Amino acid sequence: MKVYSSFEQIEHDLKILKLQQQIDKEQLKADVNDMKSNFNPVGSIANTVGAIVKKAFVYKAVDKLVGIKKVKNKNYE
């Protein structure tokens, strides 16, 4: 904990904290505006579908190369 010896030191630190708070608010506003301008729901959906199709394609290609087949579970009693 910082120990202050005068009110001027306290006011100086409070001024710095207030300025830092203003800087943080402006940075947050800028980040939100960037996010709004870069957000594209259609593009996000297309990227997701593309990733799923790519994984499915890679799985099928590896399956054909390796030749591993899934075995169905049978209940033996």
PDB file of N, CA and C in Angstrom:
ATOM      1  N   MET A   1       0.840  -1.170   0.000  1.00  0.00           N
ATOM      2  CA  MET A   1       0.000   0.000   0.000  1.00  0.00           C
ATOM      3  C   MET A   1       0.890   1.240   0.000  1.00  0.00           C
ATOM      4  N   LYS A   2       0.533   2.188  -0.836  1.00  0.00           N
ATOM      5  CA  LYS A   2       1.314   3.407  -0.948  1.00  0.00           C
ATOM      6  C   LYS A   2       0.958   4.355   0.193  1.00  0.00           C
ATOM      7  N   VAL A   3       1.968   4.967   0.762  1.00  0.00           N
ATOM      8  CA  VAL A   3       1.768   5.933   1.847  1.00  0.00           C
ATOM      9  C   VAL A   3       2.004   7.326   1.277  1.00  0.00           C
ATOM     10  N   TYR A   4       1.034   8.177   1.449  1.00  0.00           N
ATOM     11  CA  TYR A   4       1.108   9.545   0.944  1.00  0.00           C
ATOM     12  C   TYR A   4       1.534  10.492   2.061  1.00  0.00           C
ATOM     13  N   SER A   5       2.349  11.478   1.668  1.00  0.00           N
ATOM     14  CA  SER A   5       2.792  12.459   2.667  1.00  0.00           C
ATOM     15  C   SER A   5       2.143  13.820   2.466  1.00  0.00           C
ATOM     16  N   SER A   6       1.379  13.948   1.357  1.00  0.00           N
ATOM     17  CA  SER A   6       0.697  15.229   1.141  1.00  0.00           C
ATOM     18  C   SER A   6      -0.550  15.012   0.291  1.00  0.00           C
ATOM     19  N   PHE A   7      -1.434  15.992   0.357  1.00  0.00           N
ATOM     20  CA  PHE A   7      -2.643  15.930  -0.458  1.00  0.00           C
ATOM     21  C   PHE A   7      -2.324  16.107  -1.943  1.00  0.00           C
ATOM     22  N   GLU A   8      -1.245  16.795  -2.240  1.00  0.00           N
ATOM     23  CA  GLU A   8      -0.849  16.975  -3.638  1.00  0.00           C
ATOM     24  C   GLU A   8      -0.523  15.635  -4.290  1.00  0.00           C
ATOM     25  N   GLN A   9       0.141  14.746  -3.542  1.00  0.00           N
ATOM     26  CA  GLN A   9       0.448  13.416  -4.075  1.00  0.00           C
ATOM     27  C   GLN A   9      -0.831  12.623  -4.332  1.00  0.00           C
ATOM     28  N   ILE A  10      -1.771  12.733  -3.404  1.00  0.00           N
ATOM     29  CA  ILE A  10      -3.049  12.029  -3.563  1.00  0.00           C
ATOM     30  C   ILE A  10      -3.783  12.551  -4.786  1.00  0.00           C
ATOM     31  N   GLU A  11      -3.868  13.865  -4.917  1.00  0.00           N
ATOM     32  CA  GLU A  11      -4.554  14.466  -6.065  1.00  0.00           C
ATOM     33  C   GLU A  11      -3.849  14.129  -7.365  1.00  0.00           C
ATOM     34  N   HIS A  12      -2.521  14.071  -7.335  1.00  0.00           N
ATOM     35  CA  HIS A  12      -1.758  13.716  -8.541  1.00  0.00           C
ATOM     36  C   HIS A  12      -2.105  12.290  -8.982  1.00  0.00           C
ATOM     37  N   ASP A  13      -2.099  11.347  -8.041  1.00  0.00           N
ATOM     38  CA  ASP A  13      -2.433   9.961  -8.372  1.00  0.00           C
ATOM     39  C   ASP A  13      -3.892   9.826  -8.817  1.00  0.00           C
ATOM     40  N   LEU A  14      -4.793  10.575  -8.175  1.00  0.00           N
ATOM     41  CA  LEU A  14      -6.194  10.540  -8.591  1.00  0.00           C
ATOM     42  C   LEU A  14      -6.368  11.073 -10.005  1.00  0.00           C
ATOM     43  N   LYS A  15      -5.620  12.111 -10.339  1.00  0.00           N
ATOM     44  CA  LYS A  15      -5.682  12.665 -11.693  1.00  0.00           C
ATOM     45  C   LYS A  15      -5.185  11.637 -12.717  1.00  0.00           C
ATOM     46  N   ILE A  16      -4.112  10.949 -12.375  1.00  0.00           N
ATOM     47  CA  ILE A  16      -3.575   9.913 -13.270  1.00  0.00           C
ATOM     48  C   ILE A  16      -4.593   8.788 -13.448  1.00  0.00           C
ATOM     49  N   LEU A  17      -5.208   8.364 -12.358  1.00  0.00           N
ATOM     50  CA  LEU A  17      -6.206   7.296 -12.448  1.00  0.00           C
ATOM     51  C   LEU A  17      -7.417   7.720 -13.268  1.00  0.00           C
ATOM     52  N   LYS A  18      -7.841   8.968 -13.116  1.00  0.00           N
ATOM     53  CA  LYS A  18      -8.979   9.462 -13.885  1.00  0.00           C
ATOM     54  C   LYS A  18      -8.640   9.502 -15.379  1.00  0.00           C
ATOM     55  N   LEU A  19      -7.436   9.968 -15.699  1.00  0.00           N
ATOM     56  CA  LEU A  19      -7.007   9.996 -17.101  1.00  0.00           C
ATOM     57  C   LEU A  19      -6.902   8.578 -17.672  1.00  0.00           C
ATOM     58  N   GLN A  20      -6.385   7.643 -16.868  1.00  0.00           N
ATOM     59  CA  GLN A  20      -6.298   6.257 -17.326  1.00  0.00           C
ATOM     60  C   GLN A  20      -7.683   5.680 -17.574  1.00  0.00           C
ATOM     61  N   GLN A  21      -8.640   6.036 -16.735  1.00  0.00           N
ATOM     62  CA  GLN A  21     -10.017   5.576 -16.919  1.00  0.00           C
ATOM     63  C   GLN A  21     -10.596   6.125 -18.219  1.00  0.00           C
ATOM     64  N   GLN A  22     -10.327   7.391 -18.516  1.00  0.00           N
ATOM     65  CA  GLN A  22     -10.813   7.983 -19.772  1.00  0.00           C
ATOM     66  C   GLN A  22     -10.169   7.310 -20.979  1.00  0.00           C
ATOM     67  N   ILE A  23      -8.873   7.032 -20.871  1.00  0.00           N
ATOM     68  CA  ILE A  23      -8.172   6.345 -21.963  1.00  0.00           C
ATOM     69  C   ILE A  23      -8.779   4.958 -22.179  1.00  0.00           C
ATOM     70  N   ASP A  24      -9.034   4.242 -21.097  1.00  0.00           N
ATOM     71  CA  ASP A  24      -9.628   2.906 -21.203  1.00  0.00           C
ATOM     72  C   ASP A  24     -11.016   2.952 -21.834  1.00  0.00           C
ATOM     73  N   LYS A  25     -11.816   3.962 -21.474  1.00  0.00           N
ATOM     74  CA  LYS A  25     -13.152   4.097 -22.071  1.00  0.00           C
ATOM     75  C   LYS A  25     -13.052   4.344 -23.568  1.00  0.00           C
ATOM     76  N   GLU A  26     -12.152   5.221 -23.979  1.00  0.00           N
ATOM     77  CA  GLU A  26     -11.996   5.516 -25.405  1.00  0.00           C
ATOM     78  C   GLU A  26     -11.474   4.292 -26.164  1.00  0.00           C
ATOM     79  N   GLN A  27     -10.575   3.540 -25.542  1.00  0.00           N
ATOM     80  CA  GLN A  27     -10.070   2.322 -26.177  1.00  0.00           C
ATOM     81  C   GLN A  27     -11.188   1.307 -26.345  1.00  0.00           C
ATOM     82  N   LEU A  28     -12.043   1.183 -25.336  1.00  0.00           N
ATOM     83  CA  LEU A  28     -13.175   0.271 -25.415  1.00  0.00           C
ATOM     84  C   LEU A  28     -14.140   0.691 -26.520  1.00  0.00           C
ATOM     85  N   LYS A  29     -14.413   2.001 -26.623  1.00  0.00           N
ATOM     86  CA  LYS A  29     -15.282   2.492 -27.691  1.00  0.00           C
ATOM     87  C   LYS A  29     -14.692   2.168 -29.063  1.00  0.00           C
ATOM     88  N   ALA A  30     -13.385   2.386 -29.209  1.00  0.00           N
ATOM     89  CA  ALA A  30     -12.733   2.101 -30.487  1.00  0.00           C
ATOM     90  C   ALA A  30     -12.793   0.612 -30.812  1.00  0.00           C
ATOM     91  N   ASP A  31     -12.588  -0.231 -29.809  1.00  0.00           N
ATOM     92  CA  ASP A  31     -12.650  -1.677 -30.030  1.00  0.00           C
ATOM     93  C   ASP A  31     -14.053  -2.114 -30.431  1.00  0.00           C
ATOM     94  N   VAL A  32     -15.068  -1.546 -29.796  1.00  0.00           N
ATOM     95  CA  VAL A  32     -16.457  -1.889 -30.135  1.00  0.00           C
ATOM     96  C   VAL A  32     -16.767  -1.449 -31.557  1.00  0.00           C
ATOM     97  N   ASN A  33     -16.332  -0.246 -31.933  1.00  0.00           N
ATOM     98  CA  ASN A  33     -16.574   0.232 -33.295  1.00  0.00           C
ATOM     99  C   ASN A  33     -15.866  -0.642 -34.325  1.00  0.00           C
ATOM    100  N   ASP A  34     -14.652  -1.068 -34.017  1.00  0.00           N
ATOM    101  CA  ASP A  34     -13.936  -1.971 -34.928  1.00  0.00           C
ATOM    102  C   ASP A  34     -14.668  -3.297 -35.063  1.00  0.00           C
ATOM    103  N   MET A  35     -15.159  -3.794 -33.943  1.00  0.00           N
ATOM    104  CA  MET A  35     -15.868  -5.065 -33.967  1.00  0.00           C
ATOM    105  C   MET A  35     -17.161  -4.941 -34.773  1.00  0.00           C
ATOM    106  N   LYS A  36     -17.870  -3.828 -34.612  1.00  0.00           N
ATOM    107  CA  LYS A  36     -19.109  -3.625 -35.363  1.00  0.00           C
ATOM    108  C   LYS A  36     -18.841  -3.561 -36.855  1.00  0.00           C
ATOM    109  N   SER A  37     -17.787  -2.866 -37.243  1.00  0.00           N
ATOM    110  CA  SER A  37     -17.510  -2.701 -38.672  1.00  0.00           C
ATOM    111  C   SER A  37     -16.979  -3.984 -39.303  1.00  0.00           C
ATOM    112  N   ASN A  38     -16.338  -4.842 -38.515  1.00  0.00           N
ATOM    113  CA  ASN A  38     -15.775  -6.073 -39.055  1.00  0.00           C
ATOM    114  C   ASN A  38     -16.701  -7.271 -38.934  1.00  0.00           C
ATOM    115  N   PHE A  39     -17.811  -7.133 -38.224  1.00  0.00           N
ATOM    116  CA  PHE A  39     -18.709  -8.273 -38.010  1.00  0.00           C
ATOM    117  C   PHE A  39     -19.570  -8.482 -39.246  1.00  0.00           C
ATOM    118  N   ASN A  40     -19.553  -9.709 -39.720  1.00  0.00           N
ATOM    119  CA  ASN A  40     -20.336 -10.081 -40.885  1.00  0.00           C
ATOM    120  C   ASN A  40     -20.930 -11.454 -40.613  1.00  0.00           C
ATOM    121  N   PRO A  41     -22.234 -11.508 -40.244  1.00  0.00           N
ATOM    122  CA  PRO A  41     -22.816 -12.799 -39.887  1.00  0.00           C
ATOM    123  C   PRO A  41     -22.781 -13.818 -41.020  1.00  0.00           C
ATOM    124  N   VAL A  42     -23.003 -13.382 -42.248  1.00  0.00           N
ATOM    125  CA  VAL A  42     -22.984 -14.315 -43.384  1.00  0.00           C
ATOM    126  C   VAL A  42     -21.583 -14.886 -43.556  1.00  0.00           C
ATOM    127  N   GLY A  43     -20.587 -14.034 -43.425  1.00  0.00           N
ATOM    128  CA  GLY A  43     -19.205 -14.500 -43.534  1.00  0.00           C
ATOM    129  C   GLY A  43     -18.839 -15.464 -42.430  1.00  0.00           C
ATOM    130  N   SER A  44     -19.328 -15.208 -41.219  1.00  0.00           N
ATOM    131  CA  SER A  44     -19.054 -16.093 -40.088  1.00  0.00           C
ATOM    132  C   SER A  44     -19.677 -17.460 -40.306  1.00  0.00           C
ATOM    133  N   ILE A  45     -20.896 -17.481 -40.799  1.00  0.00           N
ATOM    134  CA  ILE A  45     -21.581 -18.755 -41.071  1.00  0.00           C
ATOM    135  C   ILE A  45     -20.859 -19.496 -42.193  1.00  0.00           C
ATOM    136  N   ALA A  46     -20.465 -18.772 -43.223  1.00  0.00           N
ATOM    137  CA  ALA A  46     -19.759 -19.396 -44.344  1.00  0.00           C
ATOM    138  C   ALA A  46     -18.429 -19.985 -43.879  1.00  0.00           C
ATOM    139  N   ASN A  47     -17.719 -19.265 -43.011  1.00  0.00           N
ATOM    140  CA  ASN A  47     -16.453 -19.788 -42.495  1.00  0.00           C
ATOM    141  C   ASN A  47     -16.671 -21.045 -41.671  1.00  0.00           C
ATOM    142  N   THR A  48     -17.714 -21.061 -40.868  1.00  0.00           N
ATOM    143  CA  THR A  48     -18.011 -22.232 -40.038  1.00  0.00           C
ATOM    144  C   THR A  48     -18.359 -23.433 -40.908  1.00  0.00           C
ATOM    145  N   VAL A  49     -19.230 -23.233 -41.881  1.00  0.00           N
ATOM    146  CA  VAL A  49     -19.614 -24.327 -42.778  1.00  0.00           C
ATOM    147  C   VAL A  49     -18.397 -24.808 -43.555  1.00  0.00           C
ATOM    148  N   GLY A  50     -17.580 -23.885 -44.010  1.00  0.00           N
ATOM    149  CA  GLY A  50     -16.370 -24.261 -44.744  1.00  0.00           C
ATOM    150  C   GLY A  50     -15.427 -25.105 -43.905  1.00  0.00           C
ATOM    151  N   ALA A  51     -15.283 -24.746 -42.627  1.00  0.00           N
ATOM    152  CA  ALA A  51     -14.410 -25.519 -41.741  1.00  0.00           C
ATOM    153  C   ALA A  51     -14.961 -26.922 -41.526  1.00  0.00           C
ATOM    154  N   ILE A  52     -16.269 -27.037 -41.376  1.00  0.00           N
ATOM    155  CA  ILE A  52     -16.892 -28.355 -41.180  1.00  0.00           C
ATOM    156  C   ILE A  52     -16.710 -29.222 -42.417  1.00  0.00           C
ATOM    157  N   VAL A  53     -16.937 -28.643 -43.591  1.00  0.00           N
ATOM    158  CA  VAL A  53     -16.779 -29.391 -44.846  1.00  0.00           C
ATOM    159  C   VAL A  53     -15.326 -29.819 -45.025  1.00  0.00           C
ATOM    160  N   LYS A  54     -14.407 -28.940 -44.697  1.00  0.00           N
ATOM    161  CA  LYS A  54     -12.987 -29.269 -44.822  1.00  0.00           C
ATOM    162  C   LYS A  54     -12.612 -30.433 -43.912  1.00  0.00           C
ATOM    163  N   LYS A  55     -13.097 -30.411 -42.661  1.00  0.00           N
ATOM    164  CA  LYS A  55     -12.804 -31.511 -41.741  1.00  0.00           C
ATOM    165  C   LYS A  55     -13.413 -32.806 -42.235  1.00  0.00           C
ATOM    166  N   ALA A  56     -14.632 -32.752 -42.774  1.00  0.00           N
ATOM    167  CA  ALA A  56     -15.279 -33.952 -43.286  1.00  0.00           C
ATOM    168  C   ALA A  56     -14.497 -34.510 -44.474  1.00  0.00           C
ATOM    169  N   PHE A  57     -14.033 -33.620 -45.340  1.00  0.00           N
ATOM    170  CA  PHE A  57     -13.261 -34.045 -46.502  1.00  0.00           C
ATOM    171  C   PHE A  57     -11.954 -34.705 -46.071  1.00  0.00           C
ATOM    172  N   VAL A  58     -11.273 -34.103 -45.117  1.00  0.00           N
ATOM    173  CA  VAL A  58     -10.009 -34.668 -44.634  1.00  0.00           C
ATOM    174  C   VAL A  58     -10.270 -36.022 -43.984  1.00  0.00           C
ATOM    175  N   TYR A  59     -11.339 -36.140 -43.210  1.00  0.00           N
ATOM    176  CA  TYR A  59     -11.674 -37.413 -42.574  1.00  0.00           C
ATOM    177  C   TYR A  59     -11.908 -38.501 -43.621  1.00  0.00           C
ATOM    178  N   LYS A  60     -12.670 -38.161 -44.658  1.00  0.00           N
ATOM    179  CA  LYS A  60     -12.953 -39.148 -45.712  1.00  0.00           C
ATOM    180  C   LYS A  60     -11.667 -39.544 -46.447  1.00  0.00           C
ATOM    181  N   ALA A  61     -10.804 -38.567 -46.726  1.00  0.00           N
ATOM    182  CA  ALA A  61      -9.556 -38.866 -47.430  1.00  0.00           C
ATOM    183  C   ALA A  61      -8.663 -39.767 -46.584  1.00  0.00           C
ATOM    184  N   VAL A  62      -8.547 -39.470 -45.303  1.00  0.00           N
ATOM    185  CA  VAL A  62      -7.727 -40.298 -44.419  1.00  0.00           C
ATOM    186  C   VAL A  62      -8.344 -41.683 -44.293  1.00  0.00           C
ATOM    187  N   ASP A  63      -9.658 -41.744 -44.214  1.00  0.00           N
ATOM    188  CA  ASP A  63     -10.348 -43.035 -44.110  1.00  0.00           C
ATOM    189  C   ASP A  63     -10.063 -43.891 -45.339  1.00  0.00           C
ATOM    190  N   LYS A  64     -10.075 -43.290 -46.526  1.00  0.00           N
ATOM    191  CA  LYS A  64      -9.805 -44.053 -47.748  1.00  0.00           C
ATOM    192  C   LYS A  64      -8.345 -44.504 -47.806  1.00  0.00           C
ATOM    193  N   LEU A  65      -7.434 -43.654 -47.357  1.00  0.00           N
ATOM    194  CA  LEU A  65      -6.017 -44.007 -47.390  1.00  0.00           C
ATOM    195  C   LEU A  65      -5.677 -45.083 -46.368  1.00  0.00           C
ATOM    196  N   VAL A  66      -6.221 -44.955 -45.182  1.00  0.00           N
ATOM    197  CA  VAL A  66      -5.882 -45.880 -44.109  1.00  0.00           C
ATOM    198  C   VAL A  66      -6.756 -47.123 -44.169  1.00  0.00           C
ATOM    199  N   GLY A  67      -7.998 -46.949 -44.547  1.00  0.00           N
ATOM    200  CA  GLY A  67      -8.909 -48.082 -44.676  1.00  0.00           C
ATOM    201  C   GLY A  67      -9.485 -48.573 -43.364  1.00  0.00           C
ATOM    202  N   ILE A  68      -9.591 -47.713 -42.394  1.00  0.00           N
ATOM    203  CA  ILE A  68     -10.171 -48.103 -41.108  1.00  0.00           C
ATOM    204  C   ILE A  68     -11.683 -47.967 -41.204  1.00  0.00           C
ATOM    205  N   LYS A  69     -12.366 -48.991 -40.793  1.00  0.00           N
ATOM    206  CA  LYS A  69     -13.826 -48.990 -40.827  1.00  0.00           C
ATOM    207  C   LYS A  69     -14.349 -48.941 -39.402  1.00  0.00           C
ATOM    208  N   LYS A  70     -15.468 -48.263 -39.215  1.00  0.00           N
ATOM    209  CA  LYS A  70     -16.104 -48.243 -37.907  1.00  0.00           C
ATOM    210  C   LYS A  70     -16.807 -49.567 -37.690  1.00  0.00           C
ATOM    211  N   VAL A  71     -16.741 -50.069 -36.488  1.00  0.00           N
ATOM    212  CA  VAL A  71     -17.393 -51.314 -36.136  1.00  0.00           C
ATOM    213  C   VAL A  71     -18.608 -50.987 -35.298  1.00  0.00           C
ATOM    214  N   LYS A  72     -19.743 -51.570 -35.695  1.00  0.00           N
ATOM    215  CA  LYS A  72     -20.971 -51.329 -34.946  1.00  0.00           C
ATOM    216  C   LYS A  72     -20.943 -52.190 -33.694  1.00  0.00           C
ATOM    217  N   ASN A  73     -21.419 -51.613 -32.621  1.00  0.00           N
ATOM    218  CA  ASN A  73     -21.495 -52.369 -31.364  1.00  0.00           C
ATOM    219  C   ASN A  73     -22.715 -53.279 -31.404  1.00  0.00           C
ATOM    220  N   LYS A  74     -22.508 -54.535 -31.042  1.00  0.00           N
ATOM    221  CA  LYS A  74     -23.614 -55.477 -30.958  1.00  0.00           C
ATOM    222  C   LYS A  74     -23.771 -55.867 -29.502  1.00  0.00           C
ATOM    223  N   ASN A  75     -24.969 -55.957 -29.083  1.00  0.00           N
ATOM    224  CA  ASN A  75     -25.243 -56.365 -27.702  1.00  0.00           C
ATOM    225  C   ASN A  75     -25.354 -57.879 -27.649  1.00  0.00           C
ATOM    226  N   TYR A  76     -24.381 -58.508 -27.030  1.00  0.00           N
ATOM    227  CA  TYR A  76     -24.401 -59.964 -26.857  1.00  0.00           C
ATOM    228  C   TYR A  76     -24.828 -60.254 -25.441  1.00  0.00           C
ATOM    229  N   GLU A  77     -25.788 -61.097 -25.315  1.00  0.00           N
ATOM    230  CA  GLU A  77     -26.233 -61.490 -23.983  1.00  0.00           C
ATOM    231  C   GLU A  77     -26.252 -62.977 -23.841  1.00  0.00           C
TER     232      GLU A  77
END
